[in-house]
């Protein structure tokens, strides 16, 4: 369960999700967010499920609320949206950064590097993300062409963390790896169910 708690904090950083599906609304093929979309990940200690449970208004933007659960219990919530800059995280577990955190740019081939510098409560979150193309093969043998996003040596207050995401078209995050203090975990996609 410590790993799940670590994921919650990590979600504020990066982790580890769009505007309502309406005509003209921005979309991202690298994170197909629709209500009831579900991702089940394999991780040491048992599977983790991330599910889009509904829409949520944050200031003047409507995004999607996601719930992360393990063992049938919700351990984290977050609200994400697609903006002109890309996919941003507005809040995690009720904590809202001063500036939404960009974790996937609109055009990762044009924006290959970007910085995060914001505060959540009294904690500063600071660091740089880089995006590149990479093919990844999961432990179950599934192969994906992805956009690989890495935030190395990110700072959350005095804690250093590294987070890595692999985004596949029409699927979303197929792999996530993070180190947060003494905790580390790797999540690999087991099953993706598109939303409606």
C-alpha atoms as a PDB file:
ATOM      1  CA  UNK A   1       0.000   0.000   0.000  1.00  0.00           C
ATOM      2  CA  UNK A   2       3.008   2.317   0.462  1.00  0.00           C
ATOM      3  CA  UNK A   3       3.561   2.077  -3.279  1.00  0.00           C
ATOM      4  CA  UNK A   4      -0.021   3.204  -3.909  1.00  0.00           C
ATOM      5  CA  UNK A   5       0.455   6.140  -1.515  1.00  0.00           C
ATOM      6  CA  UNK A   6       3.604   7.037  -3.423  1.00  0.00           C
ATOM      7  CA  UNK A   7       1.655   6.985  -6.669  1.00  0.00           C
ATOM      8  CA  UNK A   8      -0.778   9.508  -5.194  1.00  0.00           C
ATOM      9  CA  UNK A   9       2.014  11.969  -4.448  1.00  0.00           C
ATOM     10  CA  UNK A  10       3.615  11.242  -7.784  1.00  0.00           C
ATOM     11  CA  UNK A  11       0.371  12.029  -9.571  1.00  0.00           C
ATOM     12  CA  UNK A  12       0.650  15.622  -8.366  1.00  0.00           C
ATOM     13  CA  UNK A  13       3.983  15.766 -10.174  1.00  0.00           C
ATOM     14  CA  UNK A  14       3.005  14.446 -13.509  1.00  0.00           C
ATOM     15  CA  UNK A  15       1.284  11.336 -12.337  1.00  0.00           C
ATOM     16  CA  UNK A  16       0.313   8.270 -12.429  1.00  0.00           C
ATOM     17  CA  UNK A  17      -5.224  12.153 -17.335  1.00  0.00           C
ATOM     18  CA  UNK A  18      -9.580  16.007 -21.103  1.00  0.00           C
ATOM     19  CA  UNK A  19     -12.455  18.000 -21.867  1.00  0.00           C
ATOM     20  CA  UNK A  20     -15.924  16.546 -22.306  1.00  0.00           C
ATOM     21  CA  UNK A  21     -16.421  14.736 -25.589  1.00  0.00           C
ATOM     22  CA  UNK A  22     -18.244  17.398 -27.575  1.00  0.00           C
ATOM     23  CA  UNK A  23     -17.930  18.786 -31.057  1.00  0.00           C
ATOM     24  CA  UNK A  24     -14.763  20.835 -31.380  1.00  0.00           C
ATOM     25  CA  UNK A  25     -13.377  19.814 -27.977  1.00  0.00           C
ATOM     26  CA  UNK A  26      -9.636  19.104 -27.919  1.00  0.00           C
ATOM     27  CA  UNK A  27      -8.635  15.473 -27.801  1.00  0.00           C
ATOM     28  CA  UNK A  28      -5.407  13.509 -27.538  1.00  0.00           C
ATOM     29  CA  UNK A  29      -4.866  10.142 -29.187  1.00  0.00           C
ATOM     30  CA  UNK A  30      -2.170   9.484 -26.585  1.00  0.00           C
ATOM     31  CA  UNK A  31      -4.648   9.628 -23.694  1.00  0.00           C
ATOM     32  CA  UNK A  32      -8.127   8.601 -24.935  1.00  0.00           C
ATOM     33  CA  UNK A  33     -10.164   9.910 -22.021  1.00  0.00           C
ATOM     34  CA  UNK A  34     -13.849   9.071 -22.000  1.00  0.00           C
ATOM     35  CA  UNK A  35     -16.170   8.242 -19.150  1.00  0.00           C
ATOM     36  CA  UNK A  36     -15.785   4.653 -17.913  1.00  0.00           C
ATOM     37  CA  UNK A  37     -12.409   4.202 -19.667  1.00  0.00           C
ATOM     38  CA  UNK A  38     -10.385   1.798 -17.508  1.00  0.00           C
ATOM     39  CA  UNK A  39      -6.721   0.835 -17.336  1.00  0.00           C
ATOM     40  CA  UNK A  40      -5.592  -2.141 -15.223  1.00  0.00           C
ATOM     41  CA  UNK A  41      -1.885  -2.247 -14.402  1.00  0.00           C
ATOM     42  CA  UNK A  42       0.306  -5.029 -13.072  1.00  0.00           C
ATOM     43  CA  UNK A  43       2.543  -3.943 -10.198  1.00  0.00           C
ATOM     44  CA  UNK A  44       4.273  -5.715  -7.346  1.00  0.00           C
ATOM     45  CA  UNK A  45       1.696  -6.184  -4.590  1.00  0.00           C
ATOM     46  CA  UNK A  46      -1.288  -6.651  -6.896  1.00  0.00           C
ATOM     47  CA  UNK A  47      -3.119  -4.918  -9.734  1.00  0.00           C
ATOM     48  CA  UNK A  48      -3.944  -1.210  -9.767  1.00  0.00           C
ATOM     49  CA  UNK A  49      -6.970   0.125 -11.654  1.00  0.00           C
ATOM     50  CA  UNK A  50      -7.372   3.649 -13.016  1.00  0.00           C
ATOM     51  CA  UNK A  51     -10.893   4.562 -14.134  1.00  0.00           C
ATOM     52  CA  UNK A  52     -12.511   7.700 -15.545  1.00  0.00           C
ATOM     53  CA  UNK A  53     -15.533   8.114 -13.256  1.00  0.00           C
ATOM     54  CA  UNK A  54     -16.996  11.360 -14.570  1.00  0.00           C
ATOM     55  CA  UNK A  55     -16.553  14.982 -15.538  1.00  0.00           C
ATOM     56  CA  UNK A  56     -15.456  17.657 -13.104  1.00  0.00           C
ATOM     57  CA  UNK A  57     -15.321  21.440 -13.396  1.00  0.00           C
ATOM     58  CA  UNK A  58     -12.115  23.138 -12.235  1.00  0.00           C
ATOM     59  CA  UNK A  59     -12.291  26.944 -12.465  1.00  0.00           C
ATOM     60  CA  UNK A  60     -13.447  27.541 -16.057  1.00  0.00           C
ATOM     61  CA  UNK A  61     -12.272  24.188 -17.461  1.00  0.00           C
ATOM     62  CA  UNK A  62     -14.106  20.882 -17.528  1.00  0.00           C
ATOM     63  CA  UNK A  63     -11.922  17.816 -17.177  1.00  0.00           C
ATOM     64  CA  UNK A  64     -12.270  14.204 -16.213  1.00  0.00           C
ATOM     65  CA  UNK A  65     -12.072  12.776 -12.725  1.00  0.00           C
ATOM     66  CA  UNK A  66     -10.043   9.588 -12.394  1.00  0.00           C
ATOM     67  CA  UNK A  67      -9.955   7.156  -9.508  1.00  0.00           C
ATOM     68  CA  UNK A  68      -7.013   4.889  -8.755  1.00  0.00           C
ATOM     69  CA  UNK A  69      -7.859   1.784  -6.758  1.00  0.00           C
ATOM     70  CA  UNK A  70      -6.079  -1.248  -5.353  1.00  0.00           C
ATOM     71  CA  UNK A  71      -7.758  -4.210  -3.700  1.00  0.00           C
ATOM     72  CA  UNK A  72     -11.150  -2.730  -4.544  1.00  0.00           C
ATOM     73  CA  UNK A  73     -10.491   0.441  -2.520  1.00  0.00           C
ATOM     74  CA  UNK A  74      -9.984   3.908  -3.982  1.00  0.00           C
ATOM     75  CA  UNK A  75      -6.554   5.192  -2.982  1.00  0.00           C
ATOM     76  CA  UNK A  76      -6.275   8.354  -5.086  1.00  0.00           C
ATOM     77  CA  UNK A  77      -8.322  10.728  -7.233  1.00  0.00           C
ATOM     78  CA  UNK A  78      -7.254  13.302  -9.774  1.00  0.00           C
ATOM     79  CA  UNK A  79      -8.718  15.667 -12.346  1.00  0.00           C
ATOM     80  CA  UNK A  80      -7.046  16.124 -15.714  1.00  0.00           C
ATOM     81  CA  UNK A  81      -7.938  18.061 -18.856  1.00  0.00           C
ATOM     82  CA  UNK A  82      -6.664  18.697 -22.334  1.00  0.00           C
ATOM     83  CA  UNK A  83      -5.725  22.323 -22.906  1.00  0.00           C
ATOM     84  CA  UNK A  84      -4.026  24.167 -25.772  1.00  0.00           C
ATOM     85  CA  UNK A  85      -0.663  23.268 -24.158  1.00  0.00           C
ATOM     86  CA  UNK A  86      -1.426  19.576 -23.751  1.00  0.00           C
ATOM     87  CA  UNK A  87      -2.648  17.207 -21.047  1.00  0.00           C
ATOM     88  CA  UNK A  88      -2.548  18.836 -17.614  1.00  0.00           C
ATOM     89  CA  UNK A  89      -3.272  17.709 -14.081  1.00  0.00           C
ATOM     90  CA  UNK A  90      -5.453  20.121 -12.100  1.00  0.00           C
ATOM     91  CA  UNK A  91      -5.590  18.331  -8.764  1.00  0.00           C
ATOM     92  CA  UNK A  92      -4.835  15.122  -6.899  1.00  0.00           C
ATOM     93  CA  UNK A  93      -6.639  14.014  -3.745  1.00  0.00           C
ATOM     94  CA  UNK A  94      -8.096  17.504  -3.368  1.00  0.00           C
ATOM     95  CA  UNK A  95      -4.663  19.167  -3.588  1.00  0.00           C
ATOM     96  CA  UNK A  96      -4.469  21.788  -6.322  1.00  0.00           C
ATOM     97  CA  UNK A  97      -1.134  23.097  -7.608  1.00  0.00           C
ATOM     98  CA  UNK A  98      -0.920  26.862  -8.158  1.00  0.00           C
ATOM     99  CA  UNK A  99      -0.348  26.125 -11.851  1.00  0.00           C
ATOM    100  CA  UNK A 100      -1.756  22.990 -13.525  1.00  0.00           C
ATOM    101  CA  UNK A 101       1.013  20.459 -14.211  1.00  0.00           C
ATOM    102  CA  UNK A 102       1.652  19.675 -17.876  1.00  0.00           C
ATOM    103  CA  UNK A 103       2.603  16.017 -18.269  1.00  0.00           C
ATOM    104  CA  UNK A 104       2.102  15.503 -22.016  1.00  0.00           C
ATOM    105  CA  UNK A 105       2.482  18.336 -24.559  1.00  0.00           C
ATOM    106  CA  UNK A 106       0.074  18.880 -27.455  1.00  0.00           C
ATOM    107  CA  UNK A 107       2.859  18.153 -29.954  1.00  0.00           C
ATOM    108  CA  UNK A 108       5.578  16.047 -28.287  1.00  0.00           C
ATOM    109  CA  UNK A 109       7.703  16.179 -31.449  1.00  0.00           C
ATOM    110  CA  UNK A 110       7.806  19.995 -31.333  1.00  0.00           C
ATOM    111  CA  UNK A 111       7.885  20.367 -27.534  1.00  0.00           C
ATOM    112  CA  UNK A 112      10.587  17.916 -26.548  1.00  0.00           C
ATOM    113  CA  UNK A 113      11.372  19.558 -23.189  1.00  0.00           C
ATOM    114  CA  UNK A 114       9.376  21.638 -20.711  1.00  0.00           C
ATOM    115  CA  UNK A 115       9.689  22.790 -17.125  1.00  0.00           C
ATOM    116  CA  UNK A 116       7.421  22.482 -14.105  1.00  0.00           C
ATOM    117  CA  UNK A 117       7.701  25.054 -11.326  1.00  0.00           C
ATOM    118  CA  UNK A 118       4.682  25.318  -9.030  1.00  0.00           C
ATOM    119  CA  UNK A 119       3.550  24.871  -5.435  1.00  0.00           C
ATOM    120  CA  UNK A 120       1.059  22.564  -3.773  1.00  0.00           C
ATOM    121  CA  UNK A 121       0.360  23.894  -0.293  1.00  0.00           C
ATOM    122  CA  UNK A 122       3.798  24.632   1.165  1.00  0.00           C
ATOM    123  CA  UNK A 123       5.637  22.193  -1.111  1.00  0.00           C
ATOM    124  CA  UNK A 124       7.422  23.337  -4.259  1.00  0.00           C
ATOM    125  CA  UNK A 125       7.338  21.043  -7.296  1.00  0.00           C
ATOM    126  CA  UNK A 126      10.137  21.746  -9.737  1.00  0.00           C
ATOM    127  CA  UNK A 127      11.862  19.968 -12.591  1.00  0.00           C
ATOM    128  CA  UNK A 128      12.094  19.318 -16.307  1.00  0.00           C
ATOM    129  CA  UNK A 129      10.351  16.760 -18.493  1.00  0.00           C
ATOM    130  CA  UNK A 130      11.692  15.428 -21.798  1.00  0.00           C
ATOM    131  CA  UNK A 131       9.758  13.591 -24.528  1.00  0.00           C
ATOM    132  CA  UNK A 132      11.176  11.194 -27.129  1.00  0.00           C
ATOM    133  CA  UNK A 133       9.889   8.346 -29.276  1.00  0.00           C
ATOM    134  CA  UNK A 134      10.588   4.870 -27.941  1.00  0.00           C
ATOM    135  CA  UNK A 135       9.396   1.348 -28.547  1.00  0.00           C
ATOM    136  CA  UNK A 136       8.604  -0.533 -25.339  1.00  0.00           C
ATOM    137  CA  UNK A 137       8.041  -4.240 -24.774  1.00  0.00           C
ATOM    138  CA  UNK A 138       6.077  -5.123 -21.634  1.00  0.00           C
ATOM    139  CA  UNK A 139       6.796  -8.174 -19.482  1.00  0.00           C
ATOM    140  CA  UNK A 140       3.795  -9.926 -21.080  1.00  0.00           C
ATOM    141  CA  UNK A 141       5.406  -9.534 -24.518  1.00  0.00           C
ATOM    142  CA  UNK A 142       3.122  -6.769 -25.813  1.00  0.00           C
ATOM    143  CA  UNK A 143       5.027  -4.236 -27.944  1.00  0.00           C
ATOM    144  CA  UNK A 144       4.075  -0.567 -28.310  1.00  0.00           C
ATOM    145  CA  UNK A 145       5.444   2.416 -30.225  1.00  0.00           C
ATOM    146  CA  UNK A 146       5.257   5.202 -27.651  1.00  0.00           C
ATOM    147  CA  UNK A 147       6.051   8.741 -26.686  1.00  0.00           C
ATOM    148  CA  UNK A 148       8.355   8.343 -23.700  1.00  0.00           C
ATOM    149  CA  UNK A 149       8.166  11.170 -21.152  1.00  0.00           C
ATOM    150  CA  UNK A 150      10.763  11.384 -18.389  1.00  0.00           C
ATOM    151  CA  UNK A 151      11.108  13.771 -15.477  1.00  0.00           C
ATOM    152  CA  UNK A 152      14.510  13.036 -13.935  1.00  0.00           C
ATOM    153  CA  UNK A 153      15.536  14.369 -10.529  1.00  0.00           C
ATOM    154  CA  UNK A 154      12.287  16.257 -10.005  1.00  0.00           C
ATOM    155  CA  UNK A 155      11.918  17.962  -6.630  1.00  0.00           C
ATOM    156  CA  UNK A 156       8.852  17.772  -4.392  1.00  0.00           C
ATOM    157  CA  UNK A 157       9.907  19.935  -1.481  1.00  0.00           C
ATOM    158  CA  UNK A 158      13.153  18.295  -0.347  1.00  0.00           C
ATOM    159  CA  UNK A 159      12.380  14.896  -1.890  1.00  0.00           C
ATOM    160  CA  UNK A 160      13.879  13.923  -5.234  1.00  0.00           C
ATOM    161  CA  UNK A 161      11.821  11.813  -7.617  1.00  0.00           C
ATOM    162  CA  UNK A 162      12.123  10.475 -11.121  1.00  0.00           C
ATOM    163  CA  UNK A 163       9.034   9.580 -13.134  1.00  0.00           C
ATOM    164  CA  UNK A 164       8.792   7.906 -16.528  1.00  0.00           C
ATOM    165  CA  UNK A 165       5.688   7.460 -18.705  1.00  0.00           C
ATOM    166  CA  UNK A 166       5.217   5.541 -21.947  1.00  0.00           C
ATOM    167  CA  UNK A 167       2.147   6.796 -23.890  1.00  0.00           C
ATOM    168  CA  UNK A 168       0.786   4.689 -26.779  1.00  0.00           C
ATOM    169  CA  UNK A 169      -1.669   5.999 -29.385  1.00  0.00           C
ATOM    170  CA  UNK A 170      -5.293   5.029 -28.794  1.00  0.00           C
ATOM    171  CA  UNK A 171      -4.394   3.358 -25.470  1.00  0.00           C
ATOM    172  CA  UNK A 172      -2.839   5.897 -23.094  1.00  0.00           C
ATOM    173  CA  UNK A 173      -0.213   5.118 -20.483  1.00  0.00           C
ATOM    174  CA  UNK A 174       1.076   1.591 -21.101  1.00  0.00           C
ATOM    175  CA  UNK A 175       3.941   1.780 -18.613  1.00  0.00           C
ATOM    176  CA  UNK A 176       4.802   4.033 -15.683  1.00  0.00           C
ATOM    177  CA  UNK A 177       7.931   3.888 -13.556  1.00  0.00           C
ATOM    178  CA  UNK A 178       8.796   6.068 -10.608  1.00  0.00           C
ATOM    179  CA  UNK A 179      11.197   6.522  -7.744  1.00  0.00           C
ATOM    180  CA  UNK A 180      10.059   8.644  -4.810  1.00  0.00           C
ATOM    181  CA  UNK A 181      12.499   8.774  -1.907  1.00  0.00           C
ATOM    182  CA  UNK A 182      13.003   5.130  -0.895  1.00  0.00           C
ATOM    183  CA  UNK A 183       9.956   3.937  -2.847  1.00  0.00           C
ATOM    184  CA  UNK A 184       9.972   2.738  -6.413  1.00  0.00           C
ATOM    185  CA  UNK A 185       7.509   0.929  -8.633  1.00  0.00           C
ATOM    186  CA  UNK A 186       6.895  -0.059 -12.224  1.00  0.00           C
ATOM    187  CA  UNK A 187       3.352  -0.390 -13.556  1.00  0.00           C
ATOM    188  CA  UNK A 188       2.670  -2.184 -16.831  1.00  0.00           C
ATOM    189  CA  UNK A 189      -0.643  -2.237 -18.638  1.00  0.00           C
ATOM    190  CA  UNK A 190      -2.522  -5.514 -18.388  1.00  0.00           C
ATOM    191  CA  UNK A 191      -5.867  -4.438 -19.836  1.00  0.00           C
ATOM    192  CA  UNK A 192      -7.396  -1.300 -21.338  1.00  0.00           C
ATOM    193  CA  UNK A 193     -11.162  -0.857 -21.763  1.00  0.00           C
ATOM    194  CA  UNK A 194     -12.179   2.170 -23.870  1.00  0.00           C
ATOM    195  CA  UNK A 195     -14.795   4.506 -22.449  1.00  0.00           C
ATOM    196  CA  UNK A 196     -18.070   5.635 -23.979  1.00  0.00           C
END
